[in-house]
Each structure stands twice: as C-alpha cells, then as structure tokens.
Amino acid sequence: MNLTRLSNGKQVDSRIYPSLQKMFNDARASGLALFVREGYRTFQDQQQIMNERIREYENQGNSKRRATIKNQNLCLEEYLKKYK
C-alpha cells in the first residue's frame, strides 16, 4: 500500500488523497476547517491501542476477560455511532 503523509503527520492511502484534497478544498471554500484525526494504522499499531485500552480497564479492577469484553463493546459502540 502506498501512503501519503498529510501536513499534520497523519498518513492516508494514496488512492484516496486526490478526493480527500478536493473535499478539503471545497470545505475551505465554504468556510469550514476540516482535519484528519486518525490516519492509516498498521495491525500492530491497532493491536497496541487495543491492549492499552484493555490494561486501562484492568487497572480499574476488571478481570482480563471483563476488560476485553468492555473494550469490544466500546469498539462496537464507536463503530455504530460512526456508521449508523
């Protein structure tokens, strides 16, 4: 996969960059300021984020199993909010 680095340091798939740039230009022309909050993540990066969340839940007194379930539920809730 070819990645393009944005001015904020985030990386996106190069195939989407022209459309992303057009969207940003159109938004600016309309007086809106957009930004890319998250870019491409490797599997390892994503796994590290998941593990950190699970550790946070464990540090709150949850068992490993309960922490994993809570993390999965959080991911599902975030997905549903985004694509509902």
Protein backbone atom coordinates (compact mmCIF):
# COMPACT_ATOMS: atom_id res chain seq x y z
CA MET A 1 0.00 0.00 0.00
CA ASN A 2 1.29 3.46 -0.86
CA LEU A 3 0.73 6.09 1.80
CA THR A 4 0.67 9.87 1.55
CA ARG A 5 1.75 11.90 4.57
CA LEU A 6 -0.52 14.85 5.36
CA SER A 7 0.64 18.19 6.74
CA ASN A 8 -0.41 17.09 10.26
CA GLY A 9 1.76 13.97 10.03
CA LYS A 10 -1.11 11.51 9.59
CA GLN A 11 -0.86 9.09 6.68
CA VAL A 12 -3.64 8.04 4.32
CA ASP A 13 -3.90 5.58 1.46
CA SER A 14 -2.55 7.41 -1.59
CA ARG A 15 -5.54 6.25 -3.65
CA ILE A 16 -7.89 8.46 -1.62
CA TYR A 17 -5.64 11.50 -1.48
CA PRO A 18 -6.98 13.34 -4.57
CA SER A 19 -10.58 13.01 -3.35
CA LEU A 20 -9.57 13.94 0.19
CA GLN A 21 -7.78 17.03 -1.07
CA LYS A 22 -10.82 18.05 -3.15
CA MET A 23 -13.06 17.63 -0.12
CA PHE A 24 -10.72 19.78 1.99
CA ASN A 25 -10.56 22.46 -0.73
CA ASP A 26 -14.36 22.52 -1.09
CA ALA A 27 -14.77 22.76 2.68
CA ARG A 28 -12.30 25.65 2.90
CA ALA A 29 -14.15 27.45 0.10
CA SER A 30 -17.32 27.09 2.18
CA GLY A 31 -15.63 28.46 5.29
CA LEU A 32 -15.18 25.13 7.04
CA ALA A 33 -11.96 23.81 8.56
CA LEU A 34 -11.55 20.04 8.36
CA PHE A 35 -8.75 17.89 9.68
CA VAL A 36 -7.81 14.24 9.64
CA ARG A 37 -7.92 13.00 13.23
CA GLU A 38 -6.67 9.48 12.54
CA GLY A 39 -4.91 8.05 9.54
CA TYR A 40 -3.65 4.68 8.45
CA ARG A 41 -2.67 2.29 11.23
CA THR A 42 -0.75 -0.91 10.92
CA PHE A 43 -2.20 -4.04 12.50
CA GLN A 44 0.50 -3.77 15.17
CA ASP A 45 -0.44 -0.14 15.95
CA GLN A 46 -4.11 -1.06 16.26
CA GLN A 47 -3.30 -4.07 18.45
CA GLN A 48 -1.23 -1.85 20.75
CA ILE A 49 -4.16 0.59 21.12
CA MET A 50 -6.49 -2.30 21.95
CA ASN A 51 -4.05 -3.72 24.50
CA GLU A 52 -3.67 -0.33 26.17
CA ARG A 53 -7.44 0.03 26.50
CA ILE A 54 -7.71 -3.43 27.99
CA ARG A 55 -4.95 -2.61 30.51
CA GLU A 56 -6.82 0.58 31.47
CA TYR A 57 -9.95 -1.46 32.21
CA GLU A 58 -7.89 -3.99 34.18
CA ASN A 59 -6.38 -1.13 36.20
CA GLN A 60 -9.96 -0.16 37.10
CA GLY A 61 -10.37 -3.54 38.79
CA ASN A 62 -11.82 -5.58 35.93
CA SER A 63 -10.66 -9.11 35.16
CA LYS A 64 -8.80 -9.66 31.88
CA ARG A 65 -11.94 -11.25 30.40
CA ARG A 66 -14.23 -8.43 31.56
CA ALA A 67 -11.74 -5.80 30.38
CA THR A 68 -11.60 -7.43 26.94
CA ILE A 69 -15.40 -7.56 26.72
CA LYS A 70 -15.69 -3.90 27.77
CA ASN A 71 -13.15 -2.95 25.12
CA GLN A 72 -15.02 -4.90 22.43
CA ASN A 73 -18.27 -3.20 23.44
CA LEU A 74 -16.61 0.22 23.25
CA CYS A 75 -15.30 -0.54 19.77
CA LEU A 76 -18.76 -1.68 18.66
CA GLU A 77 -20.39 1.45 20.10
CA GLU A 78 -17.87 3.68 18.31
CA TYR A 79 -18.47 1.80 15.04
CA LEU A 80 -22.25 2.10 15.35
CA LYS A 81 -22.07 5.83 16.09
CA LYS A 82 -19.90 6.34 13.05
CA TYR A 83 -21.89 4.25 10.57
CA LYS A 84 -25.45 4.38 11.87
